[in-house]
Amino acid sequence: MIERSAIWVTWERQQRNHSLSALLGVPLYEIVSDKKGGLRYAESLVKTIQLIASKKPEIVFCQNPSIVLSFFSVLLRRLFSYVVIVDEHNAGLFPLEGQNRLLNLLARYIVRKANGVIVTNVVLADKCKEWGGEPLIIEDPLPEFNSQNQGDRSEKIGHGNAPFELVFICTWASDEPYLNVIQAAKGFSEEKLTLRITGKHDNKIAEDSLPESVKLTGFLSKDDYVETLKNSNGVLVLTTRQNCLNCGAYEAVSLLKPGILSDTPALRRYFSTGFLFTDNSPEDIAKSIELLMHNHEAYKTDIADLRLLCEANDRSNQHKVIRFLNSLP
């Protein structure tokens, strides 16, 4: 394991923080404030500085976003004499979709000044190198879910007269083509398909306009979310971003749920079997749903093979990070 003392700091709750910090054996500290705006940043920053001062770590891992957390983690590293490793998500490397000049400058500064940056694919790694950073390609480790959750009842659904149950893992963000998914669902009767869409839509759609096959779950607790996935026949996880590896896809692999992903090179490269890939159009999404229904057993076998590959990759990534950290002065 890592030879020096380390902490993992984040200003939000996100599955990758849990799975990656656990893989590396690094204590995770989630500093989540109930305050809004500048007060939230001020409170979170004070608590972060207090944490670093009390724990005196030799290595600080932090997540970007938050770009504020990452900037100050880099800024303070010489004062507190620690190595800083930034886990760079797409929104951290390209804040506000790359439309804000000041935030873009901050993002590049963080990459350049951190001792190392973790990204999920080679395209993002090349971008970090271009900006003067030291990237490590580490995909999300497969999450481990509470074994106390109820059993998987998916074998009892999607057969006979029961509809096929598909979960669209959605946060209703601008990169998720949820309107196209809803349009695709209109081609299926509620006797044939139940499409559950997670998350709070915040009035982005009119609920009374939804087809009968679509069910909105609203916000789900972690346990309820896992149960919803476990009791489905498969998942739908879509994005318009080209270099994004969706958290929901890792969750699906961990729970042995085949599904449908957006057709991008990054997703095809890692999720190489057990999934169909769509161009995100309503017509192609509907076609993919039909194919998943008719070939479900084959995709279930493939997703089990993929989980074995991902577990081996997790072990390789663990050693990769440890070797990198142990090589630093």
C-alpha atoms as a PDB file:
ATOM      1  CA  MET A   1       0.000   0.000   0.000  1.00  0.00           C
ATOM      2  CA  ILE A   2       0.964   3.701   0.012  1.00  0.00           C
ATOM      3  CA  GLU A   3       4.050   4.167   2.166  1.00  0.00           C
ATOM      4  CA  ARG A   4       3.259   7.721   3.280  1.00  0.00           C
ATOM      5  CA  SER A   5       0.337   9.148   5.258  1.00  0.00           C
ATOM      6  CA  ALA A   6      -2.466  10.351   3.033  1.00  0.00           C
ATOM      7  CA  ILE A   7      -6.002  11.750   3.079  1.00  0.00           C
ATOM      8  CA  TRP A   8      -8.671  12.068   0.391  1.00  0.00           C
ATOM      9  CA  VAL A   9     -10.727  15.287   0.513  1.00  0.00           C
ATOM     10  CA  THR A  10     -13.879  16.125  -1.401  1.00  0.00           C
ATOM     11  CA  TRP A  11     -16.562  18.803  -1.127  1.00  0.00           C
ATOM     12  CA  GLU A  12     -19.346  16.593  -2.451  1.00  0.00           C
ATOM     13  CA  ARG A  13     -20.620  13.042  -2.136  1.00  0.00           C
ATOM     14  CA  GLN A  14     -19.723  11.040  -5.193  1.00  0.00           C
ATOM     15  CA  GLN A  15     -19.266   7.294  -5.705  1.00  0.00           C
ATOM     16  CA  ARG A  16     -15.814   7.530  -7.331  1.00  0.00           C
ATOM     17  CA  ASN A  17     -14.380   9.135  -4.186  1.00  0.00           C
ATOM     18  CA  HIS A  18     -15.534   6.170  -2.114  1.00  0.00           C
ATOM     19  CA  SER A  19     -14.385   3.446  -4.474  1.00  0.00           C
ATOM     20  CA  LEU A  20     -11.017   4.965  -5.430  1.00  0.00           C
ATOM     21  CA  SER A  21     -10.015   6.010  -1.903  1.00  0.00           C
ATOM     22  CA  ALA A  22     -10.971   2.526  -0.676  1.00  0.00           C
ATOM     23  CA  LEU A  23      -8.932   0.888  -3.441  1.00  0.00           C
ATOM     24  CA  LEU A  24      -5.872   2.876  -2.324  1.00  0.00           C
ATOM     25  CA  GLY A  25      -6.516   2.481   1.408  1.00  0.00           C
ATOM     26  CA  VAL A  26      -6.738   6.257   1.918  1.00  0.00           C
ATOM     27  CA  PRO A  27      -9.168   7.747   4.497  1.00  0.00           C
ATOM     28  CA  LEU A  28     -11.938   9.744   2.823  1.00  0.00           C
ATOM     29  CA  TYR A  29     -13.140  13.056   4.268  1.00  0.00           C
ATOM     30  CA  GLU A  30     -16.332  14.455   2.728  1.00  0.00           C
ATOM     31  CA  ILE A  31     -16.705  18.121   3.643  1.00  0.00           C
ATOM     32  CA  VAL A  32     -20.250  18.927   2.594  1.00  0.00           C
ATOM     33  CA  SER A  33     -21.727  22.262   3.666  1.00  0.00           C
ATOM     34  CA  ASP A  34     -25.424  23.137   3.872  1.00  0.00           C
ATOM     35  CA  LYS A  35     -24.629  26.794   3.213  1.00  0.00           C
ATOM     36  CA  LYS A  36     -25.008  28.486  -0.176  1.00  0.00           C
ATOM     37  CA  GLY A  37     -22.724  30.512  -2.419  1.00  0.00           C
ATOM     38  CA  GLY A  38     -19.630  32.120  -0.937  1.00  0.00           C
ATOM     39  CA  LEU A  39     -20.494  30.985   2.597  1.00  0.00           C
ATOM     40  CA  ARG A  40     -20.350  27.354   1.452  1.00  0.00           C
ATOM     41  CA  TYR A  41     -16.902  27.847  -0.053  1.00  0.00           C
ATOM     42  CA  ALA A  42     -15.645  29.708   3.004  1.00  0.00           C
ATOM     43  CA  GLU A  43     -16.869  27.077   5.466  1.00  0.00           C
ATOM     44  CA  SER A  44     -15.550  24.194   3.347  1.00  0.00           C
ATOM     45  CA  LEU A  45     -12.158  25.854   2.911  1.00  0.00           C
ATOM     46  CA  VAL A  46     -11.758  26.526   6.637  1.00  0.00           C
ATOM     47  CA  LYS A  47     -12.653  22.924   7.473  1.00  0.00           C
ATOM     48  CA  THR A  48     -10.229  21.653   4.828  1.00  0.00           C
ATOM     49  CA  ILE A  49      -7.351  23.727   6.206  1.00  0.00           C
ATOM     50  CA  GLN A  50      -8.192  22.560   9.728  1.00  0.00           C
ATOM     51  CA  LEU A  51      -8.217  18.957   8.531  1.00  0.00           C
ATOM     52  CA  ILE A  52      -4.823  19.262   6.837  1.00  0.00           C
ATOM     53  CA  ALA A  53      -3.333  21.071   9.831  1.00  0.00           C
ATOM     54  CA  SER A  54      -4.554  18.398  12.254  1.00  0.00           C
ATOM     55  CA  LYS A  55      -3.759  15.286  10.184  1.00  0.00           C
ATOM     56  CA  LYS A  56      -0.471  16.588   8.749  1.00  0.00           C
ATOM     57  CA  PRO A  57      -0.648  14.267   5.720  1.00  0.00           C
ATOM     58  CA  GLU A  58       2.257  13.706   3.378  1.00  0.00           C
ATOM     59  CA  ILE A  59      -0.150  13.235   0.481  1.00  0.00           C
ATOM     60  CA  VAL A  60      -3.452  15.014  -0.169  1.00  0.00           C
ATOM     61  CA  PHE A  61      -5.855  13.632  -2.771  1.00  0.00           C
ATOM     62  CA  CYS A  62      -8.629  16.002  -3.817  1.00  0.00           C
ATOM     63  CA  GLN A  63     -11.390  15.997  -6.415  1.00  0.00           C
ATOM     64  CA  ASN A  64     -11.882  18.601  -9.143  1.00  0.00           C
ATOM     65  CA  PRO A  65     -14.622  19.715  -9.135  1.00  0.00           C
ATOM     66  CA  SER A  66     -14.554  21.508  -6.794  1.00  0.00           C
ATOM     67  CA  ILE A  67     -12.169  23.782  -8.665  1.00  0.00           C
ATOM     68  CA  VAL A  68     -11.946  25.928  -5.493  1.00  0.00           C
ATOM     69  CA  LEU A  69     -10.884  22.941  -3.382  1.00  0.00           C
ATOM     70  CA  SER A  70      -8.335  21.861  -5.985  1.00  0.00           C
ATOM     71  CA  PHE A  71      -6.913  25.364  -6.436  1.00  0.00           C
ATOM     72  CA  PHE A  72      -6.349  25.873  -2.722  1.00  0.00           C
ATOM     73  CA  SER A  73      -5.013  22.335  -2.296  1.00  0.00           C
ATOM     74  CA  VAL A  74      -2.349  23.156  -4.887  1.00  0.00           C
ATOM     75  CA  LEU A  75      -1.773  26.647  -3.465  1.00  0.00           C
ATOM     76  CA  LEU A  76      -1.254  25.419   0.101  1.00  0.00           C
ATOM     77  CA  ARG A  77       0.912  22.386  -0.593  1.00  0.00           C
ATOM     78  CA  ARG A  78       4.220  24.140   0.034  1.00  0.00           C
ATOM     79  CA  LEU A  79       2.950  25.766   3.228  1.00  0.00           C
ATOM     80  CA  PHE A  80       1.932  22.395   4.676  1.00  0.00           C
ATOM     81  CA  SER A  81       4.635  20.356   2.882  1.00  0.00           C
ATOM     82  CA  TYR A  82       2.501  17.731   1.198  1.00  0.00           C
ATOM     83  CA  VAL A  83       2.203  16.132  -2.229  1.00  0.00           C
ATOM     84  CA  VAL A  84      -1.102  16.886  -3.972  1.00  0.00           C
ATOM     85  CA  ILE A  85      -2.835  14.513  -6.370  1.00  0.00           C
ATOM     86  CA  VAL A  86      -5.947  15.886  -8.100  1.00  0.00           C
ATOM     87  CA  ASP A  87      -8.636  13.526  -9.337  1.00  0.00           C
ATOM     88  CA  GLU A  88      -9.692  15.411 -12.451  1.00  0.00           C
ATOM     89  CA  HIS A  89     -13.221  14.854 -13.730  1.00  0.00           C
ATOM     90  CA  ASN A  90     -14.353  16.230 -17.099  1.00  0.00           C
ATOM     91  CA  ALA A  91     -16.084  19.151 -15.396  1.00  0.00           C
ATOM     92  CA  GLY A  92     -12.856  19.930 -13.558  1.00  0.00           C
ATOM     93  CA  LEU A  93     -10.705  20.002 -16.669  1.00  0.00           C
ATOM     94  CA  PHE A  94     -13.352  21.895 -18.660  1.00  0.00           C
ATOM     95  CA  PRO A  95     -15.373  23.955 -16.148  1.00  0.00           C
ATOM     96  CA  LEU A  96     -18.691  25.255 -17.468  1.00  0.00           C
ATOM     97  CA  GLU A  97     -18.002  23.223 -20.632  1.00  0.00           C
ATOM     98  CA  GLY A  98     -14.851  25.302 -21.240  1.00  0.00           C
ATOM     99  CA  GLN A  99     -16.785  28.533 -21.814  1.00  0.00           C
ATOM    100  CA  ASN A 100     -15.284  30.643 -18.985  1.00  0.00           C
ATOM    101  CA  ARG A 101     -11.806  32.028 -19.631  1.00  0.00           C
ATOM    102  CA  LEU A 102     -10.902  32.590 -15.962  1.00  0.00           C
ATOM    103  CA  LEU A 103     -12.006  29.123 -14.905  1.00  0.00           C
ATOM    104  CA  ASN A 104     -10.110  27.621 -17.833  1.00  0.00           C
ATOM    105  CA  LEU A 105      -6.938  29.355 -16.644  1.00  0.00           C
ATOM    106  CA  LEU A 106      -7.499  28.028 -13.114  1.00  0.00           C
ATOM    107  CA  ALA A 107      -8.098  24.513 -14.441  1.00  0.00           C
ATOM    108  CA  ARG A 108      -4.815  24.550 -16.346  1.00  0.00           C
ATOM    109  CA  TYR A 109      -2.949  26.026 -13.376  1.00  0.00           C
ATOM    110  CA  ILE A 110      -4.190  23.182 -11.162  1.00  0.00           C
ATOM    111  CA  VAL A 111      -3.052  20.561 -13.676  1.00  0.00           C
ATOM    112  CA  ARG A 112       0.345  22.203 -14.059  1.00  0.00           C
ATOM    113  CA  LYS A 113       1.058  22.721 -10.344  1.00  0.00           C
ATOM    114  CA  ALA A 114      -0.272  19.442  -8.927  1.00  0.00           C
ATOM    115  CA  ASN A 115       2.252  16.647  -8.371  1.00  0.00           C
ATOM    116  CA  GLY A 116      -0.055  14.348 -10.309  1.00  0.00           C
ATOM    117  CA  VAL A 117      -3.511  14.329 -11.881  1.00  0.00           C
ATOM    118  CA  ILE A 118      -5.772  11.303 -12.209  1.00  0.00           C
ATOM    119  CA  VAL A 119      -7.937  11.047 -15.333  1.00  0.00           C
ATOM    120  CA  THR A 120     -10.042   8.239 -16.817  1.00  0.00           C
ATOM    121  CA  ASN A 121      -8.786   7.969 -20.403  1.00  0.00           C
ATOM    122  CA  VAL A 122      -5.925   8.665 -22.776  1.00  0.00           C
ATOM    123  CA  VAL A 123      -7.563  11.687 -24.456  1.00  0.00           C
ATOM    124  CA  LEU A 124      -7.773  13.531 -21.139  1.00  0.00           C
ATOM    125  CA  ALA A 125      -4.258  12.382 -20.236  1.00  0.00           C
ATOM    126  CA  ASP A 126      -2.893  13.871 -23.457  1.00  0.00           C
ATOM    127  CA  LYS A 127      -4.660  17.151 -22.685  1.00  0.00           C
ATOM    128  CA  CYS A 128      -3.060  17.256 -19.226  1.00  0.00           C
ATOM    129  CA  LYS A 129       0.375  16.608 -20.723  1.00  0.00           C
ATOM    130  CA  GLU A 130      -0.230  19.452 -23.168  1.00  0.00           C
ATOM    131  CA  TRP A 131      -0.904  21.723 -20.178  1.00  0.00           C
ATOM    132  CA  GLY A 132       2.291  20.613 -18.394  1.00  0.00           C
ATOM    133  CA  GLY A 133       0.739  18.094 -15.998  1.00  0.00           C
ATOM    134  CA  GLU A 134       1.655  14.566 -14.863  1.00  0.00           C
ATOM    135  CA  PRO A 135      -1.394  12.399 -15.641  1.00  0.00           C
ATOM    136  CA  LEU A 136      -2.280   8.926 -14.446  1.00  0.00           C
ATOM    137  CA  ILE A 137      -5.044   7.032 -16.247  1.00  0.00           C
ATOM    138  CA  ILE A 138      -7.219   5.396 -13.583  1.00  0.00           C
ATOM    139  CA  GLU A 139     -10.773   4.339 -14.391  1.00  0.00           C
ATOM    140  CA  ASP A 140     -13.347   4.157 -11.593  1.00  0.00           C
ATOM    141  CA  PRO A 141     -12.940   1.029  -9.472  1.00  0.00           C
ATOM    142  CA  LEU A 142     -16.062  -1.096  -9.404  1.00  0.00           C
ATOM    143  CA  PRO A 143     -18.160   0.050  -6.428  1.00  0.00           C
ATOM    144  CA  GLU A 144     -18.975  -2.372  -3.643  1.00  0.00           C
ATOM    145  CA  PHE A 145     -22.569  -2.325  -2.477  1.00  0.00           C
ATOM    146  CA  ASN A 146     -24.027  -3.185   0.904  1.00  0.00           C
ATOM    147  CA  SER A 147     -24.601  -6.930   1.091  1.00  0.00           C
ATOM    148  CA  GLN A 148     -27.515  -6.322   3.448  1.00  0.00           C
ATOM    149  CA  ASN A 149     -29.627  -4.984   0.596  1.00  0.00           C
ATOM    150  CA  GLN A 150     -32.496  -7.214  -0.416  1.00  0.00           C
ATOM    151  CA  GLY A 151     -32.012  -9.918  -2.982  1.00  0.00           C
ATOM    152  CA  ASP A 152     -32.101  -9.366  -6.718  1.00  0.00           C
ATOM    153  CA  ARG A 153     -35.626 -10.063  -8.022  1.00  0.00           C
ATOM    154  CA  SER A 154     -34.810  -9.238 -11.645  1.00  0.00           C
ATOM    155  CA  GLU A 155     -35.109 -12.888 -12.634  1.00  0.00           C
ATOM    156  CA  LYS A 156     -38.820 -12.603 -11.894  1.00  0.00           C
ATOM    157  CA  ILE A 157     -39.405  -9.625 -14.174  1.00  0.00           C
ATOM    158  CA  GLY A 158     -39.093  -9.176 -17.897  1.00  0.00           C
ATOM    159  CA  HIS A 159     -40.472 -12.692 -18.461  1.00  0.00           C
ATOM    160  CA  GLY A 160     -43.911 -13.963 -19.419  1.00  0.00           C
ATOM    161  CA  ASN A 161     -46.411 -11.145 -19.107  1.00  0.00           C
ATOM    162  CA  ALA A 162     -44.153  -8.944 -16.988  1.00  0.00           C
ATOM    163  CA  PRO A 163     -42.646  -5.859 -18.675  1.00  0.00           C
ATOM    164  CA  PHE A 164     -38.918  -5.539 -19.255  1.00  0.00           C
ATOM    165  CA  GLU A 165     -37.518  -3.200 -16.566  1.00  0.00           C
ATOM    166  CA  LEU A 166     -34.878  -0.697 -17.609  1.00  0.00           C
ATOM    167  CA  VAL A 167     -33.399   2.023 -15.391  1.00  0.00           C
ATOM    168  CA  PHE A 168     -32.255   5.263 -17.008  1.00  0.00           C
ATOM    169  CA  ILE A 169     -29.612   6.541 -14.578  1.00  0.00           C
ATOM    170  CA  CYS A 170     -30.081  10.275 -14.939  1.00  0.00           C
ATOM    171  CA  THR A 171     -29.197  13.497 -13.141  1.00  0.00           C
ATOM    172  CA  TRP A 172     -31.113  15.633 -15.675  1.00  0.00           C
ATOM    173  CA  ALA A 173     -27.886  17.410 -16.646  1.00  0.00           C
ATOM    174  CA  SER A 174     -27.378  19.188 -19.961  1.00  0.00           C
ATOM    175  CA  ASP A 175     -25.160  16.395 -21.337  1.00  0.00           C
ATOM    176  CA  GLU A 176     -27.835  13.709 -20.802  1.00  0.00           C
ATOM    177  CA  PRO A 177     -30.256  13.327 -23.752  1.00  0.00           C
ATOM    178  CA  TYR A 178     -33.264  12.625 -21.526  1.00  0.00           C
ATOM    179  CA  LEU A 179     -35.783  14.079 -23.986  1.00  0.00           C
ATOM    180  CA  ASN A 180     -34.608  11.606 -26.615  1.00  0.00           C
ATOM    181  CA  VAL A 181     -34.945   8.741 -24.134  1.00  0.00           C
ATOM    182  CA  ILE A 182     -38.531   9.756 -23.342  1.00  0.00           C
ATOM    183  CA  GLN A 183     -39.287  10.033 -27.053  1.00  0.00           C
ATOM    184  CA  ALA A 184     -37.879   6.539 -27.592  1.00  0.00           C
ATOM    185  CA  ALA A 185     -40.036   5.154 -24.773  1.00  0.00           C
ATOM    186  CA  LYS A 186     -43.192   6.291 -26.574  1.00  0.00           C
ATOM    187  CA  GLY A 187     -42.723   3.370 -28.943  1.00  0.00           C
ATOM    188  CA  PHE A 188     -43.215   0.825 -26.139  1.00  0.00           C
ATOM    189  CA  SER A 189     -46.398  -0.073 -24.305  1.00  0.00           C
ATOM    190  CA  GLU A 190     -46.358  -0.301 -20.515  1.00  0.00           C
ATOM    191  CA  GLU A 191     -47.041  -4.030 -20.896  1.00  0.00           C
ATOM    192  CA  LYS A 192     -43.741  -4.418 -22.753  1.00  0.00           C
ATOM    193  CA  LEU A 193     -41.450  -1.918 -20.983  1.00  0.00           C
ATOM    194  CA  THR A 194     -41.089  -0.142 -17.666  1.00  0.00           C
ATOM    195  CA  LEU A 195     -38.498   2.622 -17.949  1.00  0.00           C
ATOM    196  CA  ARG A 196     -37.600   4.111 -14.573  1.00  0.00           C
ATOM    197  CA  ILE A 197     -35.799   7.457 -14.697  1.00  0.00           C
ATOM    198  CA  THR A 198     -33.846   8.420 -11.585  1.00  0.00           C
ATOM    199  CA  GLY A 199     -33.165  11.888 -10.185  1.00  0.00           C
ATOM    200  CA  LYS A 200     -35.116  15.114  -9.680  1.00  0.00           C
ATOM    201  CA  HIS A 201     -36.103  16.692 -12.957  1.00  0.00           C
ATOM    202  CA  ASP A 202     -36.755  20.152 -11.432  1.00  0.00           C
ATOM    203  CA  ASN A 203     -39.604  20.909 -13.863  1.00  0.00           C
ATOM    204  CA  LYS A 204     -37.518  20.179 -16.952  1.00  0.00           C
ATOM    205  CA  ILE A 205     -40.385  18.086 -18.276  1.00  0.00           C
ATOM    206  CA  ALA A 206     -44.171  17.991 -17.907  1.00  0.00           C
ATOM    207  CA  GLU A 207     -44.980  14.785 -16.059  1.00  0.00           C
ATOM    208  CA  ASP A 208     -48.464  14.518 -17.554  1.00  0.00           C
ATOM    209  CA  SER A 209     -46.894  14.318 -21.026  1.00  0.00           C
ATOM    210  CA  LEU A 210     -44.875  11.188 -20.250  1.00  0.00           C
ATOM    211  CA  PRO A 211     -45.762   7.878 -21.911  1.00  0.00           C
ATOM    212  CA  GLU A 212     -47.251   5.171 -19.695  1.00  0.00           C
ATOM    213  CA  SER A 213     -44.043   3.137 -19.930  1.00  0.00           C
ATOM    214  CA  VAL A 214     -42.006   5.853 -18.146  1.00  0.00           C
ATOM    215  CA  LYS A 215     -41.897   6.037 -14.340  1.00  0.00           C
ATOM    216  CA  LEU A 216     -40.063   8.820 -12.477  1.00  0.00           C
ATOM    217  CA  THR A 217     -38.372   7.714  -9.266  1.00  0.00           C
ATOM    218  CA  GLY A 218     -37.445  11.180  -8.000  1.00  0.00           C
ATOM    219  CA  PHE A 219     -34.511  11.407  -5.618  1.00  0.00           C
ATOM    220  CA  LEU A 220     -33.561   8.021  -4.176  1.00  0.00           C
ATOM    221  CA  SER A 221     -31.565   7.230  -1.061  1.00  0.00           C
ATOM    222  CA  LYS A 222     -28.436   5.190  -1.740  1.00  0.00           C
ATOM    223  CA  ASP A 223     -30.091   1.967  -0.569  1.00  0.00           C
ATOM    224  CA  ASP A 224     -33.223   2.596  -2.629  1.00  0.00           C
ATOM    225  CA  TYR A 225     -31.114   3.484  -5.658  1.00  0.00           C
ATOM    226  CA  VAL A 226     -29.145   0.248  -5.397  1.00  0.00           C
ATOM    227  CA  GLU A 227     -32.358  -1.744  -4.960  1.00  0.00           C
ATOM    228  CA  THR A 228     -33.818  -0.108  -8.061  1.00  0.00           C
ATOM    229  CA  LEU A 229     -30.769  -1.133 -10.092  1.00  0.00           C
ATOM    230  CA  LYS A 230     -30.644  -4.637  -8.645  1.00  0.00           C
ATOM    231  CA  ASN A 231     -34.287  -5.284  -9.426  1.00  0.00           C
ATOM    232  CA  SER A 232     -34.008  -4.190 -13.037  1.00  0.00           C
ATOM    233  CA  ASN A 233     -33.176  -6.133 -16.187  1.00  0.00           C
ATOM    234  CA  GLY A 234     -30.695  -3.514 -17.333  1.00  0.00           C
ATOM    235  CA  VAL A 235     -29.588   0.113 -17.350  1.00  0.00           C
ATOM    236  CA  LEU A 236     -29.462   3.055 -19.709  1.00  0.00           C
ATOM    237  CA  VAL A 237     -26.625   5.569 -19.126  1.00  0.00           C
ATOM    238  CA  LEU A 238     -26.179   8.269 -21.758  1.00  0.00           C
ATOM    239  CA  THR A 239     -24.042  11.355 -22.284  1.00  0.00           C
ATOM    240  CA  THR A 240     -23.201  13.700 -25.121  1.00  0.00           C
ATOM    241  CA  ARG A 241     -19.657  14.173 -23.759  1.00  0.00           C
ATOM    242  CA  GLN A 242     -17.017  12.406 -25.802  1.00  0.00           C
ATOM    243  CA  ASN A 243     -14.500  11.590 -23.060  1.00  0.00           C
ATOM    244  CA  CYS A 244     -16.696  10.702 -20.108  1.00  0.00           C
ATOM    245  CA  LEU A 245     -16.864   7.305 -18.381  1.00  0.00           C
ATOM    246  CA  ASN A 246     -20.226   7.309 -16.615  1.00  0.00           C
ATOM    247  CA  CYS A 247     -20.406   6.287 -12.951  1.00  0.00           C
ATOM    248  CA  GLY A 248     -23.669   4.486 -13.663  1.00  0.00           C
ATOM    249  CA  ALA A 249     -21.912   2.147 -16.087  1.00  0.00           C
ATOM    250  CA  TYR A 250     -19.468   1.005 -13.383  1.00  0.00           C
ATOM    251  CA  GLU A 251     -22.394   0.473 -11.020  1.00  0.00           C
ATOM    252  CA  ALA A 252     -24.123  -1.638 -13.641  1.00  0.00           C
ATOM    253  CA  VAL A 253     -21.045  -3.821 -14.121  1.00  0.00           C
ATOM    254  CA  SER A 254     -20.697  -4.303 -10.361  1.00  0.00           C
ATOM    255  CA  LEU A 255     -24.336  -5.422 -10.147  1.00  0.00           C
ATOM    256  CA  LEU A 256     -24.056  -7.561 -13.318  1.00  0.00           C
ATOM    257  CA  LYS A 257     -26.606  -5.471 -15.230  1.00  0.00           C
ATOM    258  CA  PRO A 258     -26.167  -5.191 -18.990  1.00  0.00           C
ATOM    259  CA  GLY A 259     -27.311  -2.037 -20.679  1.00  0.00           C
ATOM    260  CA  ILE A 260     -27.019   0.732 -23.223  1.00  0.00           C
ATOM    261  CA  LEU A 261     -24.314   3.418 -23.354  1.00  0.00           C
ATOM    262  CA  SER A 262     -23.556   6.313 -25.669  1.00  0.00           C
ATOM    263  CA  ASP A 263     -21.395   5.433 -28.649  1.00  0.00           C
ATOM    264  CA  THR A 264     -18.058   7.099 -27.902  1.00  0.00           C
ATOM    265  CA  PRO A 265     -14.521   5.688 -28.284  1.00  0.00           C
ATOM    266  CA  ALA A 266     -13.826   6.121 -24.554  1.00  0.00           C
ATOM    267  CA  LEU A 267     -16.903   4.128 -23.516  1.00  0.00           C
ATOM    268  CA  ARG A 268     -16.422   1.433 -26.157  1.00  0.00           C
ATOM    269  CA  ARG A 269     -12.794   0.990 -25.134  1.00  0.00           C
ATOM    270  CA  TYR A 270     -13.454   0.325 -21.459  1.00  0.00           C
ATOM    271  CA  PHE A 271     -16.955  -1.193 -21.459  1.00  0.00           C
ATOM    272  CA  SER A 272     -16.007  -3.606 -24.206  1.00  0.00           C
ATOM    273  CA  THR A 273     -18.721  -6.221 -23.719  1.00  0.00           C
ATOM    274  CA  GLY A 274     -22.123  -6.537 -22.080  1.00  0.00           C
ATOM    275  CA  PHE A 275     -23.390  -3.212 -23.446  1.00  0.00           C
ATOM    276  CA  LEU A 276     -25.004  -1.893 -26.600  1.00  0.00           C
ATOM    277  CA  PHE A 277     -23.987   1.528 -27.911  1.00  0.00           C
ATOM    278  CA  THR A 278     -26.302   4.194 -29.278  1.00  0.00           C
ATOM    279  CA  ASP A 279     -25.898   7.469 -31.162  1.00  0.00           C
ATOM    280  CA  ASN A 280     -28.371   9.028 -28.652  1.00  0.00           C
ATOM    281  CA  SER A 281     -31.097   9.603 -31.230  1.00  0.00           C
ATOM    282  CA  PRO A 282     -34.627   8.522 -30.229  1.00  0.00           C
ATOM    283  CA  GLU A 283     -34.737   5.999 -33.077  1.00  0.00           C
ATOM    284  CA  ASP A 284     -31.426   4.383 -32.181  1.00  0.00           C
ATOM    285  CA  ILE A 285     -32.189   4.334 -28.460  1.00  0.00           C
ATOM    286  CA  ALA A 286     -35.457   2.503 -29.196  1.00  0.00           C
ATOM    287  CA  LYS A 287     -33.617   0.058 -31.470  1.00  0.00           C
ATOM    288  CA  SER A 288     -31.047  -0.619 -28.733  1.00  0.00           C
ATOM    289  CA  ILE A 289     -33.773  -1.260 -26.160  1.00  0.00           C
ATOM    290  CA  GLU A 290     -35.354  -3.822 -28.502  1.00  0.00           C
ATOM    291  CA  LEU A 291     -32.014  -5.546 -29.031  1.00  0.00           C
ATOM    292  CA  LEU A 292     -31.309  -5.662 -25.298  1.00  0.00           C
ATOM    293  CA  MET A 293     -34.738  -7.185 -24.662  1.00  0.00           C
ATOM    294  CA  HIS A 294     -34.316  -9.907 -27.306  1.00  0.00           C
ATOM    295  CA  ASN A 295     -30.686 -10.780 -26.446  1.00  0.00           C
ATOM    296  CA  HIS A 296     -30.807 -10.236 -22.703  1.00  0.00           C
ATOM    297  CA  GLU A 297     -29.374 -13.596 -21.620  1.00  0.00           C
ATOM    298  CA  ALA A 298     -26.352 -13.213 -23.892  1.00  0.00           C
ATOM    299  CA  TYR A 299     -25.637  -9.717 -22.598  1.00  0.00           C
ATOM    300  CA  LYS A 300     -25.927 -10.979 -19.004  1.00  0.00           C
ATOM    301  CA  THR A 301     -23.189 -13.513 -19.739  1.00  0.00           C
ATOM    302  CA  ASP A 302     -21.042 -10.829 -21.349  1.00  0.00           C
ATOM    303  CA  ILE A 303     -21.415  -8.415 -18.420  1.00  0.00           C
ATOM    304  CA  ALA A 304     -20.158 -11.119 -16.046  1.00  0.00           C
ATOM    305  CA  ASP A 305     -17.050 -11.470 -18.220  1.00  0.00           C
ATOM    306  CA  LEU A 306     -16.597  -7.690 -18.180  1.00  0.00           C
ATOM    307  CA  ARG A 307     -16.741  -7.580 -14.396  1.00  0.00           C
ATOM    308  CA  LEU A 308     -13.817 -10.001 -14.200  1.00  0.00           C
ATOM    309  CA  LEU A 309     -11.832  -7.794 -16.583  1.00  0.00           C
ATOM    310  CA  CYS A 310     -12.662  -4.671 -14.575  1.00  0.00           C
ATOM    311  CA  GLU A 311     -11.660  -6.297 -11.302  1.00  0.00           C
ATOM    312  CA  ALA A 312      -8.274  -7.221 -12.793  1.00  0.00           C
ATOM    313  CA  ASN A 313      -7.900  -3.661 -14.086  1.00  0.00           C
ATOM    314  CA  ASP A 314      -8.669  -2.289 -10.607  1.00  0.00           C
ATOM    315  CA  ARG A 315      -5.800  -4.315  -9.142  1.00  0.00           C
ATOM    316  CA  SER A 316      -3.466  -3.074 -11.873  1.00  0.00           C
ATOM    317  CA  ASN A 317      -4.516   0.537 -11.286  1.00  0.00           C
ATOM    318  CA  GLN A 318      -3.949   0.192  -7.546  1.00  0.00           C
ATOM    319  CA  HIS A 319      -0.338  -0.836  -8.158  1.00  0.00           C
ATOM    320  CA  LYS A 320       0.092   1.897 -10.770  1.00  0.00           C
ATOM    321  CA  VAL A 321      -0.866   4.686  -8.334  1.00  0.00           C
ATOM    322  CA  ILE A 322       1.264   3.249  -5.539  1.00  0.00           C
ATOM    323  CA  ARG A 323       4.323   2.990  -7.806  1.00  0.00           C
ATOM    324  CA  PHE A 324       3.839   6.585  -8.948  1.00  0.00           C
ATOM    325  CA  LEU A 325       3.499   7.924  -5.399  1.00  0.00           C
ATOM    326  CA  ASN A 326       6.451   5.961  -4.112  1.00  0.00           C
ATOM    327  CA  SER A 327       8.591   7.366  -6.943  1.00  0.00           C
ATOM    328  CA  LEU A 328       7.956  10.974  -5.887  1.00  0.00           C
ATOM    329  CA  PRO A 329      10.670  12.708  -3.819  1.00  0.00           C
END
